[in-house]
Protein backbone atom coordinates (compact mmCIF):
# COMPACT_ATOMS: atom_id res chain seq x y z
CA MET A 1 0.00 0.00 0.00
CA ARG A 2 1.79 3.09 -1.21
CA ASN A 3 2.17 6.13 1.08
CA SER A 4 0.09 4.70 3.93
CA CYS A 5 2.93 5.46 6.35
CA ALA A 6 4.96 8.16 4.62
CA SER A 7 7.42 8.42 7.52
CA ILE A 8 8.78 4.93 6.75
CA THR A 9 10.68 6.18 3.73
CA ASP A 10 11.40 9.58 5.30
CA THR A 11 12.92 8.37 8.58
CA GLY A 12 13.71 4.67 8.21
CA ALA A 13 11.53 3.95 11.28
CA PHE A 14 10.00 0.49 11.53
CA TYR A 15 7.88 -1.73 13.76
CA ASP A 16 8.02 -5.53 13.69
CA ALA A 17 4.42 -6.80 13.82
CA ASP A 18 3.12 -10.36 14.07
CA VAL A 19 0.60 -10.85 11.26
CA SER A 20 0.58 -14.65 11.20
CA GLY A 21 -3.18 -15.12 11.36
CA ARG A 22 -5.34 -17.25 9.09
CA ALA A 23 -8.22 -16.36 6.84
CA ILE A 24 -10.70 -18.22 4.70
CA VAL A 25 -11.40 -16.00 1.72
CA GLU A 26 -14.47 -16.28 -0.49
CA TYR A 27 -13.83 -14.72 -3.90
CA ARG A 28 -17.11 -13.63 -5.47
CA THR A 29 -17.92 -13.36 -9.17
CA ASP A 30 -18.52 -9.58 -8.90
CA GLY A 31 -14.92 -9.03 -7.73
CA SER A 32 -15.78 -8.66 -4.04
CA GLN A 33 -14.33 -10.81 -1.26
CA PHE A 34 -15.49 -12.05 2.14
CA TRP A 35 -12.84 -12.93 4.72
CA SER A 36 -13.39 -14.98 7.88
CA VAL A 37 -10.31 -14.30 9.99
CA ARG A 38 -8.72 -15.64 13.16
CA GLY A 39 -5.54 -14.06 14.41
CA PRO A 40 -3.54 -11.07 13.22
CA VAL A 41 -3.39 -10.08 9.57
CA LEU A 42 -2.03 -6.97 7.86
CA VAL A 43 -4.69 -4.76 6.27
CA GLY A 44 -4.24 -1.44 4.48
CA PHE A 45 -7.00 1.16 4.19
CA GLY A 46 -7.04 3.96 1.65
CA GLU A 47 -8.56 7.39 2.23
CA ASN A 48 -12.33 6.85 2.72
CA GLY A 49 -11.68 3.21 1.86
CA GLY A 50 -13.28 1.43 4.77
CA THR A 51 -14.36 1.28 8.37
CA LEU A 52 -10.92 2.32 9.65
CA PRO A 53 -9.08 5.54 8.82
CA ARG A 54 -6.40 5.60 6.12
CA GLY A 55 -3.41 3.57 7.25
CA LEU A 56 -1.82 0.19 7.74
CA TYR A 57 -3.18 -2.02 10.54
CA ALA A 58 -2.43 -5.31 12.26
CA ILE A 59 -5.96 -6.50 12.98
CA ASP A 60 -6.09 -9.33 15.53
CA GLY A 61 -8.90 -11.48 16.86
CA VAL A 62 -11.95 -13.17 15.42
CA TYR A 63 -13.63 -11.07 12.76
CA THR A 64 -14.90 -10.82 9.22
CA MET A 65 -13.91 -8.42 6.50
CA ASN A 66 -16.05 -7.70 3.49
CA ILE A 67 -14.21 -6.11 0.57
CA SER A 68 -16.59 -4.66 -1.99
CA ALA A 69 -15.95 -4.84 -5.71
CA THR A 70 -14.78 -1.20 -5.47
CA GLY A 71 -12.29 -2.05 -2.69
CA TYR A 72 -14.20 -0.61 0.30
CA LYS A 73 -13.33 -2.70 3.40
CA THR A 74 -15.82 -3.35 6.18
CA VAL A 75 -14.35 -5.01 9.28
CA THR A 76 -16.87 -6.58 11.67
CA MET A 77 -15.17 -7.58 14.92
CA ALA A 78 -16.52 -10.44 17.06
CA HIS A 79 -13.59 -10.04 19.44
CA GLY A 80 -10.26 -8.36 18.87
CA THR A 81 -8.18 -5.26 18.31
CA SER A 82 -6.75 -3.12 15.55
CA ASP A 83 -3.23 -1.73 15.89
CA ASP A 84 -2.40 1.36 13.80
CA LEU A 85 1.14 0.62 12.61
CA CYS A 86 1.60 4.09 11.14
CA ALA A 87 1.05 5.62 14.59
CA ARG A 88 3.69 3.28 16.06
CA ILE A 89 6.40 4.56 13.73
CA GLY A 90 5.10 8.13 13.39
């Protein structure tokens, strides 16, 4: 995801995140996707591109993510957290 954390290239700052979760992904004929997730995965959000602000996140827990055919991401959390990685290196 380009320019989600601009300070990475500006400062060389980094954060080592565990994103070793698992997902079952349903690919739909209209180009949309439905993810059933357990554990942490890395998810990027563009400006006005989903239910979280623009950025790069390690989302952990038990949740679903619906990605529309246009790329809009809706995360529905049963139990878990979202960690804003851009804020960690900001």
